[in-house]
Amino acid sequence: MNNEEIEILIADDDGGTRALLASILRNCDYPTVTYAADGEEALRLLKQKNFQIAFLDISMPGVDGVTVLKQAKDISPKCFCVIITAHSAVENVKAALGAGAKGFIVKPYSAQKVTDVLAKFEQQRYGDYY
């Protein structure tokens, strides 16, 4: 599976954040991105497509990112879920990691932080071959 076949979900209620993250992903040769503006839309999309990576904002209207993360683990157990938040409080980090997040990115973030998470995804994807 090449990067063009990797399906990525970005769930964030801020359109600017979605656009910035998508731009970074495209610059890293991950062009296939789907957007969700809230947690309910993210859950609907997770049920419809087989995403390999999901970037989930922790604070979204309706269903929050940690709740989406917990349900994503049941819907798509192999999906590499990353929590994104402007609030790096210890309880947020613990809740996200406890729910199965593979990464945690604090806003505002750099392209390097996203690249680091993608490297972790690639390492998991290829295991010992990476």
C-alpha atoms as a PDB file:
ATOM      1  CA  MET A   1       0.000   0.000   0.000  1.00  0.00           C
ATOM      2  CA  ASN A   2       1.537   3.295  -1.058  1.00  0.00           C
ATOM      3  CA  ASN A   3       0.782   6.621   0.624  1.00  0.00           C
ATOM      4  CA  GLU A   4      -1.820   7.541  -2.004  1.00  0.00           C
ATOM      5  CA  GLU A   5      -3.863   4.567  -0.806  1.00  0.00           C
ATOM      6  CA  ILE A   6      -3.668   5.594   2.856  1.00  0.00           C
ATOM      7  CA  GLU A   7      -7.061   6.978   3.901  1.00  0.00           C
ATOM      8  CA  ILE A   8      -6.768   9.753   6.496  1.00  0.00           C
ATOM      9  CA  LEU A   9      -9.572  11.319   8.528  1.00  0.00           C
ATOM     10  CA  ILE A  10      -9.189  14.796  10.014  1.00  0.00           C
ATOM     11  CA  ALA A  11     -11.915  15.553  12.572  1.00  0.00           C
ATOM     12  CA  ASP A  12     -11.759  19.115  13.880  1.00  0.00           C
ATOM     13  CA  ASP A  13     -14.431  21.793  14.230  1.00  0.00           C
ATOM     14  CA  ASP A  14     -11.982  24.479  13.065  1.00  0.00           C
ATOM     15  CA  GLY A  15     -11.737  24.692   9.269  1.00  0.00           C
ATOM     16  CA  GLY A  16      -8.369  26.448   9.392  1.00  0.00           C
ATOM     17  CA  THR A  17      -6.890  23.659  11.489  1.00  0.00           C
ATOM     18  CA  ARG A  18      -8.276  21.031   9.096  1.00  0.00           C
ATOM     19  CA  ALA A  19      -6.782  22.874   6.102  1.00  0.00           C
ATOM     20  CA  LEU A  20      -3.385  23.328   7.774  1.00  0.00           C
ATOM     21  CA  LEU A  21      -3.126  19.673   8.762  1.00  0.00           C
ATOM     22  CA  ALA A  22      -4.238  18.531   5.296  1.00  0.00           C
ATOM     23  CA  SER A  23      -1.584  20.762   3.733  1.00  0.00           C
ATOM     24  CA  ILE A  24       1.122  19.264   5.956  1.00  0.00           C
ATOM     25  CA  LEU A  25      -0.075  15.734   5.130  1.00  0.00           C
ATOM     26  CA  ARG A  26      -0.055  16.437   1.392  1.00  0.00           C
ATOM     27  CA  ASN A  27       3.479  17.843   1.670  1.00  0.00           C
ATOM     28  CA  CYS A  28       4.421  14.530   3.310  1.00  0.00           C
ATOM     29  CA  ASP A  29       2.924  12.637   0.335  1.00  0.00           C
ATOM     30  CA  TYR A  30      -0.318  11.620   2.059  1.00  0.00           C
ATOM     31  CA  PRO A  31      -2.869  13.080  -0.391  1.00  0.00           C
ATOM     32  CA  THR A  32      -6.039  11.160   0.520  1.00  0.00           C
ATOM     33  CA  VAL A  33      -7.753  13.176   3.256  1.00  0.00           C
ATOM     34  CA  THR A  34     -11.388  13.236   4.378  1.00  0.00           C
ATOM     35  CA  TYR A  35     -12.749  15.922   6.703  1.00  0.00           C
ATOM     36  CA  ALA A  36     -15.232  15.860   9.575  1.00  0.00           C
ATOM     37  CA  ALA A  37     -16.396  19.063  11.262  1.00  0.00           C
ATOM     38  CA  ASP A  38     -17.553  17.338  14.456  1.00  0.00           C
ATOM     39  CA  GLY A  39     -17.478  14.042  16.330  1.00  0.00           C
ATOM     40  CA  GLU A  40     -20.783  12.756  14.996  1.00  0.00           C
ATOM     41  CA  GLU A  41     -19.621  13.220  11.408  1.00  0.00           C
ATOM     42  CA  ALA A  42     -16.309  11.543  12.278  1.00  0.00           C
ATOM     43  CA  LEU A  43     -18.122   8.480  13.633  1.00  0.00           C
ATOM     44  CA  ARG A  44     -20.351   8.297  10.553  1.00  0.00           C
ATOM     45  CA  LEU A  45     -17.303   8.456   8.273  1.00  0.00           C
ATOM     46  CA  LEU A  46     -15.405   5.860  10.313  1.00  0.00           C
ATOM     47  CA  LYS A  47     -18.280   3.459   9.733  1.00  0.00           C
ATOM     48  CA  GLN A  48     -18.264   4.157   5.974  1.00  0.00           C
ATOM     49  CA  LYS A  49     -14.548   4.042   5.123  1.00  0.00           C
ATOM     50  CA  ASN A  50     -11.508   2.093   6.172  1.00  0.00           C
ATOM     51  CA  PHE A  51      -9.222   4.820   7.518  1.00  0.00           C
ATOM     52  CA  GLN A  52      -5.635   3.960   8.344  1.00  0.00           C
ATOM     53  CA  ILE A  53      -5.048   7.215  10.272  1.00  0.00           C
ATOM     54  CA  ALA A  54      -7.470   9.495  12.130  1.00  0.00           C
ATOM     55  CA  PHE A  55      -6.532  12.888  13.583  1.00  0.00           C
ATOM     56  CA  LEU A  56      -9.181  13.734  16.191  1.00  0.00           C
ATOM     57  CA  ASP A  57      -9.586  17.082  17.916  1.00  0.00           C
ATOM     58  CA  ILE A  58     -10.286  16.471  21.590  1.00  0.00           C
ATOM     59  CA  SER A  59     -12.759  19.384  21.876  1.00  0.00           C
ATOM     60  CA  MET A  60     -15.518  19.181  19.272  1.00  0.00           C
ATOM     61  CA  PRO A  61     -19.204  20.038  19.572  1.00  0.00           C
ATOM     62  CA  GLY A  62     -21.462  17.105  20.337  1.00  0.00           C
ATOM     63  CA  VAL A  63     -19.213  14.060  20.503  1.00  0.00           C
ATOM     64  CA  ASP A  64     -15.682  14.850  21.722  1.00  0.00           C
ATOM     65  CA  GLY A  65     -12.473  13.369  20.335  1.00  0.00           C
ATOM     66  CA  VAL A  66     -11.855  10.895  23.167  1.00  0.00           C
ATOM     67  CA  THR A  67     -15.355   9.464  22.735  1.00  0.00           C
ATOM     68  CA  VAL A  68     -14.754   9.185  18.976  1.00  0.00           C
ATOM     69  CA  LEU A  69     -11.411   7.511  19.722  1.00  0.00           C
ATOM     70  CA  LYS A  70     -13.015   4.908  22.000  1.00  0.00           C
ATOM     71  CA  GLN A  71     -15.675   4.080  19.409  1.00  0.00           C
ATOM     72  CA  ALA A  72     -13.123   4.099  16.568  1.00  0.00           C
ATOM     73  CA  LYS A  73     -11.255   1.301  18.314  1.00  0.00           C
ATOM     74  CA  ASP A  74     -14.404  -0.850  17.990  1.00  0.00           C
ATOM     75  CA  ILE A  75     -15.330   0.325  14.476  1.00  0.00           C
ATOM     76  CA  SER A  76     -11.827   0.138  12.987  1.00  0.00           C
ATOM     77  CA  PRO A  77      -9.363  -1.487  15.414  1.00  0.00           C
ATOM     78  CA  LYS A  78      -6.343  -1.029  13.127  1.00  0.00           C
ATOM     79  CA  CYS A  79      -6.881   2.713  12.654  1.00  0.00           C
ATOM     80  CA  PHE A  80      -3.911   4.743  13.958  1.00  0.00           C
ATOM     81  CA  CYS A  81      -5.676   7.425  16.022  1.00  0.00           C
ATOM     82  CA  VAL A  82      -4.000  10.695  16.995  1.00  0.00           C
ATOM     83  CA  ILE A  83      -5.536  13.218  19.378  1.00  0.00           C
ATOM     84  CA  ILE A  84      -5.069  16.914  18.633  1.00  0.00           C
ATOM     85  CA  THR A  85      -5.777  19.535  21.272  1.00  0.00           C
ATOM     86  CA  ALA A  86      -5.035  23.067  22.369  1.00  0.00           C
ATOM     87  CA  HIS A  87      -5.262  21.837  25.972  1.00  0.00           C
ATOM     88  CA  SER A  88      -2.287  19.702  26.972  1.00  0.00           C
ATOM     89  CA  ALA A  89      -3.496  19.169  30.543  1.00  0.00           C
ATOM     90  CA  VAL A  90      -2.257  15.922  32.066  1.00  0.00           C
ATOM     91  CA  GLU A  91      -5.810  14.575  32.361  1.00  0.00           C
ATOM     92  CA  ASN A  92      -6.351  15.076  28.606  1.00  0.00           C
ATOM     93  CA  VAL A  93      -3.154  13.227  27.761  1.00  0.00           C
ATOM     94  CA  LYS A  94      -4.000  10.383  30.154  1.00  0.00           C
ATOM     95  CA  ALA A  95      -7.578  10.109  28.839  1.00  0.00           C
ATOM     96  CA  ALA A  96      -6.377  10.015  25.226  1.00  0.00           C
ATOM     97  CA  LEU A  97      -3.613   7.478  25.796  1.00  0.00           C
ATOM     98  CA  GLY A  98      -5.861   5.391  28.044  1.00  0.00           C
ATOM     99  CA  ALA A  99      -8.471   5.281  25.283  1.00  0.00           C
ATOM    100  CA  GLY A 100      -5.890   3.982  22.799  1.00  0.00           C
ATOM    101  CA  ALA A 101      -4.444   7.059  21.092  1.00  0.00           C
ATOM    102  CA  LYS A 102      -1.200   6.328  19.265  1.00  0.00           C
ATOM    103  CA  GLY A 103      -0.156   9.980  19.291  1.00  0.00           C
ATOM    104  CA  PHE A 104      -0.927  13.315  20.902  1.00  0.00           C
ATOM    105  CA  ILE A 105      -0.341  16.666  19.179  1.00  0.00           C
ATOM    106  CA  VAL A 106      -0.737  20.006  20.937  1.00  0.00           C
ATOM    107  CA  LYS A 107      -1.934  23.093  19.017  1.00  0.00           C
ATOM    108  CA  PRO A 108      -0.385  25.155  17.663  1.00  0.00           C
ATOM    109  CA  TYR A 109       1.758  22.460  16.148  1.00  0.00           C
ATOM    110  CA  SER A 110       4.607  22.350  13.688  1.00  0.00           C
ATOM    111  CA  ALA A 111       4.960  20.285  10.546  1.00  0.00           C
ATOM    112  CA  GLN A 112       7.752  18.442  12.383  1.00  0.00           C
ATOM    113  CA  LYS A 113       5.331  17.223  15.070  1.00  0.00           C
ATOM    114  CA  VAL A 114       3.004  15.835  12.393  1.00  0.00           C
ATOM    115  CA  THR A 115       5.986  14.263  10.622  1.00  0.00           C
ATOM    116  CA  ASP A 116       7.020  12.600  13.900  1.00  0.00           C
ATOM    117  CA  VAL A 117       3.545  11.075  14.262  1.00  0.00           C
ATOM    118  CA  LEU A 118       3.630   9.889  10.638  1.00  0.00           C
ATOM    119  CA  ALA A 119       7.009   8.242  11.281  1.00  0.00           C
ATOM    120  CA  LYS A 120       5.467   6.392  14.224  1.00  0.00           C
ATOM    121  CA  PHE A 121       2.593   5.308  11.963  1.00  0.00           C
ATOM    122  CA  GLU A 122       5.063   4.084   9.326  1.00  0.00           C
ATOM    123  CA  GLN A 123       7.021   2.177  11.941  1.00  0.00           C
ATOM    124  CA  GLN A 124       3.852   0.431  13.110  1.00  0.00           C
ATOM    125  CA  ARG A 125       2.737  -0.124   9.514  1.00  0.00           C
ATOM    126  CA  TYR A 126       5.958  -1.806   8.460  1.00  0.00           C
ATOM    127  CA  GLY A 127       7.073  -3.198  11.798  1.00  0.00           C
ATOM    128  CA  ASP A 128      10.589  -4.557  11.624  1.00  0.00           C
ATOM    129  CA  TYR A 129      10.851  -3.750   7.922  1.00  0.00           C
ATOM    130  CA  TYR A 130      10.975   0.001   8.533  1.00  0.00           C
END
